[in-house]
Amino acid sequence: MSKSAATSMMVAGAMTAALTLAAAPTAEAAKMEKCFGIAKAEQNDCAAGPGTSCAGTSTIDYQGNAWKLVPKGTCEKTERGDSGKFGSLTKTDDI
C-alpha cells in the first residue's frame, strides 16, 4: 500500500470516528424534551428568559420560563411541587 493510500485511510477512519461520536449526543437528545416550570431555583438546564443566561440561573422554584430536559412524554406528568400543577412544553406562569 502506498504512503498516500495509507494516509487517506487513516484520515477516513478518523473522520468516521468523529462523526460517530458527534451523532451520539444528538440521538440521546432526541429522546428528551424541554419541560418548563419544574426546575427548582438555580437548577434549570439553560436559558430561562430575560435576566438569565444559562444553566443554574433561574431565581425562584418552578419559574415558568425556566426548563429542564426530561425524557419525552413525561413533562406534562411531572408535578410542580405541591401546587397541583404540572410541567409544560411551553413557557408557563410562575407558581
Foldseek 3Di string as FASTA:
>chain_A
DDPVVVVVVVVVVVVVVVVVVVCVVVVVLVQKAKWAQAAAQQAAAFDQDPPGGTHGHHHHQRAQSGTHIDGPPCQQVDDRPPPPGTIDRHRDHHD
